[in-house]
Amino acid sequence: MGILISLLSGAVGGNVAGNLMKGSSMGVLGNSIAGIVGGGAIGAPVLSMLGMATGGGMDISSILASVASGGIGGGAVMAIIGVVKNMMAKS
């Protein structure tokens, strides 16, 4: 259940980052895909490396940790992809 929350939070985080960075946005679908990748592949592992991983339970702290890691990971990956996309377009 925690990974599902991270993936959904990643999609939201990707779209929030896309709305904040208008020039780097890839549209709702692109932002969501980048966010899902970031939320699932980046957010949870980074959180565990920082020693803040939860046991995967369904208590409020586990859910909030999944939301935070997914959202931050999703936003970060979307921002990185958007910047790379812009750099490639200028070349």
PDB file of N, CA and C in Angstrom:
ATOM      1  N   MET A   1       0.826  -1.193   0.000  1.00  0.00           N
ATOM      2  CA  MET A   1       0.000   0.000   0.000  1.00  0.00           C
ATOM      3  C   MET A   1       0.870   1.256   0.000  1.00  0.00           C
ATOM      4  N   GLY A   2       2.013   1.192   0.691  1.00  0.00           N
ATOM      5  CA  GLY A   2       2.897   2.348   0.751  1.00  0.00           C
ATOM      6  C   GLY A   2       3.441   2.739  -0.608  1.00  0.00           C
ATOM      7  N   ILE A   3       3.755   1.743  -1.450  1.00  0.00           N
ATOM      8  CA  ILE A   3       4.281   2.057  -2.780  1.00  0.00           C
ATOM      9  C   ILE A   3       3.207   2.710  -3.647  1.00  0.00           C
ATOM     10  N   LEU A   4       1.968   2.288  -3.490  1.00  0.00           N
ATOM     11  CA  LEU A   4       0.874   2.902  -4.239  1.00  0.00           C
ATOM     12  C   LEU A   4       0.711   4.367  -3.837  1.00  0.00           C
ATOM     13  N   ILE A   5       0.801   4.632  -2.557  1.00  0.00           N
ATOM     14  CA  ILE A   5       0.714   6.014  -2.073  1.00  0.00           C
ATOM     15  C   ILE A   5       1.881   6.827  -2.618  1.00  0.00           C
ATOM     16  N   SER A   6       3.089   6.244  -2.642  1.00  0.00           N
ATOM     17  CA  SER A   6       4.256   6.944  -3.177  1.00  0.00           C
ATOM     18  C   SER A   6       4.092   7.243  -4.667  1.00  0.00           C
ATOM     19  N   LEU A   7       3.551   6.296  -5.417  1.00  0.00           N
ATOM     20  CA  LEU A   7       3.355   6.506  -6.852  1.00  0.00           C
ATOM     21  C   LEU A   7       2.337   7.611  -7.118  1.00  0.00           C
ATOM     22  N   LEU A   8       1.221   7.575  -6.403  1.00  0.00           N
ATOM     23  CA  LEU A   8       0.201   8.614  -6.582  1.00  0.00           C
ATOM     24  C   LEU A   8       0.721   9.978  -6.137  1.00  0.00           C
ATOM     25  N   SER A   9       1.455  10.002  -5.047  1.00  0.00           N
ATOM     26  CA  SER A   9       2.036  11.257  -4.573  1.00  0.00           C
ATOM     27  C   SER A   9       3.082  11.772  -5.557  1.00  0.00           C
ATOM     28  N   GLY A  10       3.802  10.859  -6.176  1.00  0.00           N
ATOM     29  CA  GLY A  10       4.770  11.245  -7.195  1.00  0.00           C
ATOM     30  C   GLY A  10       4.105  11.906  -8.383  1.00  0.00           C
ATOM     31  N   ALA A  11       2.971  11.359  -8.811  1.00  0.00           N
ATOM     32  CA  ALA A  11       2.238  11.961  -9.926  1.00  0.00           C
ATOM     33  C   ALA A  11       1.774  13.366  -9.568  1.00  0.00           C
ATOM     34  N   VAL A  12       1.276  13.525  -8.363  1.00  0.00           N
ATOM     35  CA  VAL A  12       0.850  14.855  -7.910  1.00  0.00           C
ATOM     36  C   VAL A  12       2.060  15.790  -7.830  1.00  0.00           C
ATOM     37  N   GLY A  13       3.167  15.294  -7.248  1.00  0.00           N
ATOM     38  CA  GLY A  13       4.373  16.105  -7.139  1.00  0.00           C
ATOM     39  C   GLY A  13       4.914  16.530  -8.495  1.00  0.00           C
ATOM     40  N   GLY A  14       4.863  15.628  -9.474  1.00  0.00           N
ATOM     41  CA  GLY A  14       5.304  15.963 -10.825  1.00  0.00           C
ATOM     42  C   GLY A  14       4.457  17.051 -11.451  1.00  0.00           C
ATOM     43  N   ASN A  15       3.152  16.989 -11.235  1.00  0.00           N
ATOM     44  CA  ASN A  15       2.266  18.015 -11.798  1.00  0.00           C
ATOM     45  C   ASN A  15       2.399  19.349 -11.076  1.00  0.00           C
ATOM     46  N   VAL A  16       2.625  19.308  -9.769  1.00  0.00           N
ATOM     47  CA  VAL A  16       2.848  20.553  -9.031  1.00  0.00           C
ATOM     48  C   VAL A  16       4.135  21.217  -9.532  1.00  0.00           C
ATOM     49  N   ALA A  17       5.192  20.426  -9.680  1.00  0.00           N
ATOM     50  CA  ALA A  17       6.456  20.973 -10.181  1.00  0.00           C
ATOM     51  C   ALA A  17       6.281  21.514 -11.596  1.00  0.00           C
ATOM     52  N   GLY A  18       5.514  20.817 -12.424  1.00  0.00           N
ATOM     53  CA  GLY A  18       5.256  21.293 -13.782  1.00  0.00           C
ATOM     54  C   GLY A  18       4.500  22.610 -13.807  1.00  0.00           C
ATOM     55  N   ASN A  19       3.565  22.787 -12.871  1.00  0.00           N
ATOM     56  CA  ASN A  19       2.828  24.046 -12.799  1.00  0.00           C
ATOM     57  C   ASN A  19       3.698  25.181 -12.283  1.00  0.00           C
ATOM     58  N   LEU A  20       4.627  24.865 -11.408  1.00  0.00           N
ATOM     59  CA  LEU A  20       5.521  25.898 -10.882  1.00  0.00           C
ATOM     60  C   LEU A  20       6.589  26.296 -11.897  1.00  0.00           C
ATOM     61  N   MET A  21       6.998  25.358 -12.727  1.00  0.00           N
ATOM     62  CA  MET A  21       8.044  25.598 -13.723  1.00  0.00           C
ATOM     63  C   MET A  21       7.408  25.557 -15.112  1.00  0.00           C
ATOM     64  N   LYS A  22       6.671  26.575 -15.468  1.00  0.00           N
ATOM     65  CA  LYS A  22       5.897  26.587 -16.713  1.00  0.00           C
ATOM     66  C   LYS A  22       6.754  26.259 -17.938  1.00  0.00           C
ATOM     67  N   GLY A  23       7.971  26.761 -18.000  1.00  0.00           N
ATOM     68  CA  GLY A  23       8.829  26.521 -19.155  1.00  0.00           C
ATOM     69  C   GLY A  23       9.339  25.100 -19.246  1.00  0.00           C
ATOM     70  N   SER A  24       9.305  24.375 -18.161  1.00  0.00           N
ATOM     71  CA  SER A  24       9.810  23.003 -18.143  1.00  0.00           C
ATOM     72  C   SER A  24       8.694  21.965 -18.122  1.00  0.00           C
ATOM     73  N   SER A  25       7.465  22.393 -18.084  1.00  0.00           N
ATOM     74  CA  SER A  25       6.341  21.476 -18.012  1.00  0.00           C
ATOM     75  C   SER A  25       6.258  20.639 -19.283  1.00  0.00           C
ATOM     76  N   MET A  26       5.867  19.386 -19.129  1.00  0.00           N
ATOM     77  CA  MET A  26       5.727  18.470 -20.262  1.00  0.00           C
ATOM     78  C   MET A  26       4.273  18.070 -20.465  1.00  0.00           C
ATOM     79  N   GLY A  27       3.362  18.837 -19.929  1.00  0.00           N
ATOM     80  CA  GLY A  27       1.953  18.505 -20.007  1.00  0.00           C
ATOM     81  C   GLY A  27       1.563  17.582 -18.862  1.00  0.00           C
ATOM     82  N   VAL A  28       0.284  17.417 -18.671  1.00  0.00           N
ATOM     83  CA  VAL A  28      -0.206  16.631 -17.530  1.00  0.00           C
ATOM     84  C   VAL A  28       0.288  15.187 -17.602  1.00  0.00           C
ATOM     85  N   LEU A  29       0.206  14.564 -18.759  1.00  0.00           N
ATOM     86  CA  LEU A  29       0.622  13.165 -18.875  1.00  0.00           C
ATOM     87  C   LEU A  29       2.126  13.011 -18.656  1.00  0.00           C
ATOM     88  N   GLY A  30       2.921  13.853 -19.293  1.00  0.00           N
ATOM     89  CA  GLY A  30       4.374  13.784 -19.125  1.00  0.00           C
ATOM     90  C   GLY A  30       4.801  14.065 -17.695  1.00  0.00           C
ATOM     91  N   ASN A  31       4.208  15.069 -17.092  1.00  0.00           N
ATOM     92  CA  ASN A  31       4.520  15.395 -15.696  1.00  0.00           C
ATOM     93  C   ASN A  31       4.129  14.245 -14.770  1.00  0.00           C
ATOM     94  N   SER A  32       2.979  13.630 -15.046  1.00  0.00           N
ATOM     95  CA  SER A  32       2.522  12.518 -14.210  1.00  0.00           C
ATOM     96  C   SER A  32       3.449  11.319 -14.334  1.00  0.00           C
ATOM     97  N   ILE A  33       3.851  10.989 -15.557  1.00  0.00           N
ATOM     98  CA  ILE A  33       4.752   9.845 -15.757  1.00  0.00           C
ATOM     99  C   ILE A  33       6.091  10.091 -15.074  1.00  0.00           C
ATOM    100  N   ALA A  34       6.651  11.287 -15.262  1.00  0.00           N
ATOM    101  CA  ALA A  34       7.917  11.610 -14.596  1.00  0.00           C
ATOM    102  C   ALA A  34       7.744  11.566 -13.082  1.00  0.00           C
ATOM    103  N   GLY A  35       6.628  12.045 -12.593  1.00  0.00           N
ATOM    104  CA  GLY A  35       6.359  12.023 -11.160  1.00  0.00           C
ATOM    105  C   GLY A  35       6.205  10.626 -10.611  1.00  0.00           C
ATOM    106  N   ILE A  36       5.532   9.757 -11.355  1.00  0.00           N
ATOM    107  CA  ILE A  36       5.362   8.371 -10.915  1.00  0.00           C
ATOM    108  C   ILE A  36       6.715   7.670 -10.837  1.00  0.00           C
ATOM    109  N   VAL A  37       7.543   7.879 -11.852  1.00  0.00           N
ATOM    110  CA  VAL A  37       8.887   7.293 -11.833  1.00  0.00           C
ATOM    111  C   VAL A  37       9.674   7.823 -10.639  1.00  0.00           C
ATOM    112  N   GLY A  38       9.606   9.121 -10.427  1.00  0.00           N
ATOM    113  CA  GLY A  38      10.325   9.723  -9.305  1.00  0.00           C
ATOM    114  C   GLY A  38       9.790   9.291  -7.955  1.00  0.00           C
ATOM    115  N   GLY A  39       8.492   9.202  -7.853  1.00  0.00           N
ATOM    116  CA  GLY A  39       7.893   8.808  -6.584  1.00  0.00           C
ATOM    117  C   GLY A  39       8.194   7.375  -6.201  1.00  0.00           C
ATOM    118  N   GLY A  40       8.212   6.495  -7.189  1.00  0.00           N
ATOM    119  CA  GLY A  40       8.466   5.089  -6.904  1.00  0.00           C
ATOM    120  C   GLY A  40       9.934   4.723  -6.873  1.00  0.00           C
ATOM    121  N   ALA A  41      10.710   5.319  -7.769  1.00  0.00           N
ATOM    122  CA  ALA A  41      12.112   4.915  -7.898  1.00  0.00           C
ATOM    123  C   ALA A  41      13.073   5.798  -7.123  1.00  0.00           C
ATOM    124  N   ILE A  42      12.668   6.994  -6.799  1.00  0.00           N
ATOM    125  CA  ILE A  42      13.580   7.927  -6.129  1.00  0.00           C
ATOM    126  C   ILE A  42      13.150   8.186  -4.692  1.00  0.00           C
ATOM    127  N   GLY A  43      11.899   8.504  -4.490  1.00  0.00           N
ATOM    128  CA  GLY A  43      11.421   8.941  -3.176  1.00  0.00           C
ATOM    129  C   GLY A  43      11.658   7.951  -2.052  1.00  0.00           C
ATOM    130  N   ALA A  44      11.191   6.733  -2.209  1.00  0.00           N
ATOM    131  CA  ALA A  44      11.313   5.734  -1.137  1.00  0.00           C
ATOM    132  C   ALA A  44      12.763   5.346  -0.851  1.00  0.00           C
ATOM    133  N   PRO A  45      13.591   5.071  -1.879  1.00  0.00           N
ATOM    134  CA  PRO A  45      14.992   4.731  -1.583  1.00  0.00           C
ATOM    135  C   PRO A  45      15.765   5.866  -0.908  1.00  0.00           C
ATOM    136  N   VAL A  46      15.522   7.095  -1.327  1.00  0.00           N
ATOM    137  CA  VAL A  46      16.216   8.228  -0.706  1.00  0.00           C
ATOM    138  C   VAL A  46      15.800   8.355   0.751  1.00  0.00           C
ATOM    139  N   LEU A  47      14.514   8.176   1.017  1.00  0.00           N
ATOM    140  CA  LEU A  47      14.033   8.254   2.391  1.00  0.00           C
ATOM    141  C   LEU A  47      14.674   7.177   3.258  1.00  0.00           C
ATOM    142  N   SER A  48      14.817   5.983   2.716  1.00  0.00           N
ATOM    143  CA  SER A  48      15.438   4.916   3.501  1.00  0.00           C
ATOM    144  C   SER A  48      16.930   5.155   3.685  1.00  0.00           C
ATOM    145  N   MET A  49      17.600   5.746   2.695  1.00  0.00           N
ATOM    146  CA  MET A  49      19.021   6.061   2.844  1.00  0.00           C
ATOM    147  C   MET A  49      19.241   7.116   3.918  1.00  0.00           C
ATOM    148  N   LEU A  50      18.290   7.986   4.084  1.00  0.00           N
ATOM    149  CA  LEU A  50      18.395   9.023   5.106  1.00  0.00           C
ATOM    150  C   LEU A  50      18.007   8.495   6.484  1.00  0.00           C
ATOM    151  N   GLY A  51      17.647   7.233   6.548  1.00  0.00           N
ATOM    152  CA  GLY A  51      17.292   6.623   7.830  1.00  0.00           C
ATOM    153  C   GLY A  51      15.903   6.960   8.309  1.00  0.00           C
ATOM    154  N   MET A  52      15.054   7.422   7.404  1.00  0.00           N
ATOM    155  CA  MET A  52      13.702   7.807   7.792  1.00  0.00           C
ATOM    156  C   MET A  52      12.662   6.843   7.237  1.00  0.00           C
ATOM    157  N   ALA A  53      13.099   5.663   6.843  1.00  0.00           N
ATOM    158  CA  ALA A  53      12.158   4.695   6.285  1.00  0.00           C
ATOM    159  C   ALA A  53      11.228   4.184   7.372  1.00  0.00           C
ATOM    160  N   THR A  54      10.051   3.896   6.959  1.00  0.00           N
ATOM    161  CA  THR A  54       9.075   3.361   7.899  1.00  0.00           C
ATOM    162  C   THR A  54       8.926   1.871   7.661  1.00  0.00           C
ATOM    163  N   GLY A  55       8.305   1.206   8.570  1.00  0.00           N
ATOM    164  CA  GLY A  55       8.121  -0.228   8.466  1.00  0.00           C
ATOM    165  C   GLY A  55       7.077  -0.648   7.462  1.00  0.00           C
ATOM    166  N   GLY A  56       6.470   0.280   6.781  1.00  0.00           N
ATOM    167  CA  GLY A  56       5.471  -0.058   5.789  1.00  0.00           C
ATOM    168  C   GLY A  56       4.082  -0.237   6.369  1.00  0.00           C
ATOM    169  N   GLY A  57       3.894   0.104   7.619  1.00  0.00           N
ATOM    170  CA  GLY A  57       2.585  -0.013   8.246  1.00  0.00           C
ATOM    171  C   GLY A  57       1.639   1.045   7.725  1.00  0.00           C
ATOM    172  N   MET A  58       0.434   0.992   8.209  1.00  0.00           N
ATOM    173  CA  MET A  58      -0.576   1.937   7.759  1.00  0.00           C
ATOM    174  C   MET A  58      -0.905   2.965   8.835  1.00  0.00           C
ATOM    175  N   ASP A  59       0.057   3.239   9.712  1.00  0.00           N
ATOM    176  CA  ASP A  59      -0.171   4.302  10.684  1.00  0.00           C
ATOM    177  C   ASP A  59       0.058   5.650  10.006  1.00  0.00           C
ATOM    178  N   ILE A  60      -0.330   6.714  10.656  1.00  0.00           N
ATOM    179  CA  ILE A  60      -0.294   8.040  10.038  1.00  0.00           C
ATOM    180  C   ILE A  60       1.121   8.470   9.669  1.00  0.00           C
ATOM    181  N   SER A  61       2.107   8.106  10.470  1.00  0.00           N
ATOM    182  CA  SER A  61       3.480   8.514  10.138  1.00  0.00           C
ATOM    183  C   SER A  61       3.980   7.795   8.896  1.00  0.00           C
ATOM    184  N   SER A  62       3.620   6.551   8.698  1.00  0.00           N
ATOM    185  CA  SER A  62       4.018   5.823   7.493  1.00  0.00           C
ATOM    186  C   SER A  62       3.366   6.410   6.254  1.00  0.00           C
ATOM    187  N   ILE A  63       2.093   6.742   6.372  1.00  0.00           N
ATOM    188  CA  ILE A  63       1.375   7.320   5.238  1.00  0.00           C
ATOM    189  C   ILE A  63       1.962   8.684   4.881  1.00  0.00           C
ATOM    190  N   LEU A  64       2.213   9.519   5.887  1.00  0.00           N
ATOM    191  CA  LEU A  64       2.793  10.841   5.622  1.00  0.00           C
ATOM    192  C   LEU A  64       4.188  10.724   5.032  1.00  0.00           C
ATOM    193  N   ALA A  65       4.975   9.758   5.481  1.00  0.00           N
ATOM    194  CA  ALA A  65       6.310   9.555   4.919  1.00  0.00           C
ATOM    195  C   ALA A  65       6.213   9.134   3.459  1.00  0.00           C
ATOM    196  N   SER A  66       5.270   8.286   3.114  1.00  0.00           N
ATOM    197  CA  SER A  66       5.082   7.863   1.729  1.00  0.00           C
ATOM    198  C   SER A  66       4.631   9.026   0.852  1.00  0.00           C
ATOM    199  N   VAL A  67       3.731   9.848   1.375  1.00  0.00           N
ATOM    200  CA  VAL A  67       3.257  11.015   0.621  1.00  0.00           C
ATOM    201  C   VAL A  67       4.405  11.997   0.387  1.00  0.00           C
ATOM    202  N   ALA A  68       5.171  12.269   1.440  1.00  0.00           N
ATOM    203  CA  ALA A  68       6.273  13.226   1.317  1.00  0.00           C
ATOM    204  C   ALA A  68       7.351  12.714   0.374  1.00  0.00           C
ATOM    205  N   SER A  69       7.764  11.468   0.538  1.00  0.00           N
ATOM    206  CA  SER A  69       8.835  10.950  -0.317  1.00  0.00           C
ATOM    207  C   SER A  69       8.385  10.845  -1.762  1.00  0.00           C
ATOM    208  N   GLY A  70       7.170  10.424  -1.993  1.00  0.00           N
ATOM    209  CA  GLY A  70       6.660  10.340  -3.356  1.00  0.00           C
ATOM    210  C   GLY A  70       6.529  11.699  -4.009  1.00  0.00           C
ATOM    211  N   GLY A  71       5.981  12.642  -3.287  1.00  0.00           N
ATOM    212  CA  GLY A  71       5.807  13.988  -3.837  1.00  0.00           C
ATOM    213  C   GLY A  71       7.123  14.680  -4.136  1.00  0.00           C
ATOM    214  N   ILE A  72       8.063  14.569  -3.228  1.00  0.00           N
ATOM    215  CA  ILE A  72       9.362  15.206  -3.431  1.00  0.00           C
ATOM    216  C   ILE A  72      10.128  14.513  -4.550  1.00  0.00           C
ATOM    217  N   GLY A  73      10.132  13.185  -4.543  1.00  0.00           N
ATOM    218  CA  GLY A  73      10.814  12.442  -5.603  1.00  0.00           C
ATOM    219  C   GLY A  73      10.206  12.719  -6.968  1.00  0.00           C
ATOM    220  N   GLY A  74       8.893  12.755  -7.034  1.00  0.00           N
ATOM    221  CA  GLY A  74       8.210  13.035  -8.298  1.00  0.00           C
ATOM    222  C   GLY A  74       8.484  14.432  -8.810  1.00  0.00           C
ATOM    223  N   GLY A  75       8.445  15.395  -7.920  1.00  0.00           N
ATOM    224  CA  GLY A  75       8.738  16.773  -8.320  1.00  0.00           C
ATOM    225  C   GLY A  75      10.175  16.941  -8.771  1.00  0.00           C
ATOM    226  N   ALA A  76      11.091  16.273  -8.085  1.00  0.00           N
ATOM    227  CA  ALA A  76      12.509  16.384  -8.434  1.00  0.00           C
ATOM    228  C   ALA A  76      12.794  15.789  -9.808  1.00  0.00           C
ATOM    229  N   VAL A  77      12.262  14.607 -10.069  1.00  0.00           N
ATOM    230  CA  VAL A  77      12.496  13.972 -11.371  1.00  0.00           C
ATOM    231  C   VAL A  77      11.855  14.789 -12.489  1.00  0.00           C
ATOM    232  N   MET A  78      10.651  15.300 -12.278  1.00  0.00           N
ATOM    233  CA  MET A  78      10.008  16.125 -13.298  1.00  0.00           C
ATOM    234  C   MET A  78      10.839  17.369 -13.586  1.00  0.00           C
ATOM    235  N   ALA A  79      11.358  18.004 -12.544  1.00  0.00           N
ATOM    236  CA  ALA A  79      12.163  19.207 -12.722  1.00  0.00           C
ATOM    237  C   ALA A  79      13.449  18.891 -13.493  1.00  0.00           C
ATOM    238  N   ILE A  80      14.097  17.791 -13.159  1.00  0.00           N
ATOM    239  CA  ILE A  80      15.331  17.412 -13.848  1.00  0.00           C
ATOM    240  C   ILE A  80      15.058  17.123 -15.323  1.00  0.00           C
ATOM    241  N   ILE A  81      14.016  16.353 -15.596  1.00  0.00           N
ATOM    242  CA  ILE A  81      13.685  16.036 -16.986  1.00  0.00           C
ATOM    243  C   ILE A  81      13.309  17.305 -17.748  1.00  0.00           C
ATOM    244  N   GLY A  82      12.567  18.197 -17.112  1.00  0.00           N
ATOM    245  CA  GLY A  82      12.190  19.446 -17.764  1.00  0.00           C
ATOM    246  C   GLY A  82      13.384  20.314 -18.099  1.00  0.00           C
ATOM    247  N   VAL A  83      14.343  20.406 -17.199  1.00  0.00           N
ATOM    248  CA  VAL A  83      15.546  21.201 -17.453  1.00  0.00           C
ATOM    249  C   VAL A  83      16.361  20.583 -18.584  1.00  0.00           C
ATOM    250  N   VAL A  84      16.508  19.256 -18.571  1.00  0.00           N
ATOM    251  CA  VAL A  84      17.250  18.575 -19.642  1.00  0.00           C
ATOM    252  C   VAL A  84      16.552  18.792 -20.975  1.00  0.00           C
ATOM    253  N   LYS A  85      15.224  18.697 -20.972  1.00  0.00           N
ATOM    254  CA  LYS A  85      14.459  18.917 -22.200  1.00  0.00           C
ATOM    255  C   LYS A  85      14.690  20.313 -22.754  1.00  0.00           C
ATOM    256  N   ASN A  86      14.690  21.308 -21.874  1.00  0.00           N
ATOM    257  CA  ASN A  86      14.936  22.680 -22.310  1.00  0.00           C
ATOM    258  C   ASN A  86      16.354  22.868 -22.829  1.00  0.00           C
ATOM    259  N   MET A  87      17.337  22.246 -22.181  1.00  0.00           N
ATOM    260  CA  MET A  87      18.723  22.357 -22.638  1.00  0.00           C
ATOM    261  C   MET A  87      18.906  21.721 -24.013  1.00  0.00           C
ATOM    262  N   MET A  88      18.223  20.605 -24.250  1.00  0.00           N
ATOM    263  CA  MET A  88      18.320  19.938 -25.544  1.00  0.00           C
ATOM    264  C   MET A  88      17.629  20.749 -26.632  1.00  0.00           C
ATOM    265  N   ALA A  89      16.566  21.442 -26.280  1.00  0.00           N
ATOM    266  CA  ALA A  89      15.844  22.257 -27.261  1.00  0.00           C
ATOM    267  C   ALA A  89      16.670  23.467 -27.697  1.00  0.00           C
ATOM    268  N   LYS A  90      17.520  23.975 -26.813  1.00  0.00           N
ATOM    269  CA  LYS A  90      18.346  25.132 -27.124  1.00  0.00           C
ATOM    270  C   LYS A  90      19.539  24.761 -28.006  1.00  0.00           C
ATOM    271  N   SER A  91      19.902  23.486 -27.995  1.00  0.00           N
ATOM    272  CA  SER A  91      21.075  23.049 -28.760  1.00  0.00           C
ATOM    273  C   SER A  91      20.788  22.933 -30.222  1.00  0.00           C
TER     274      SER A  91
END
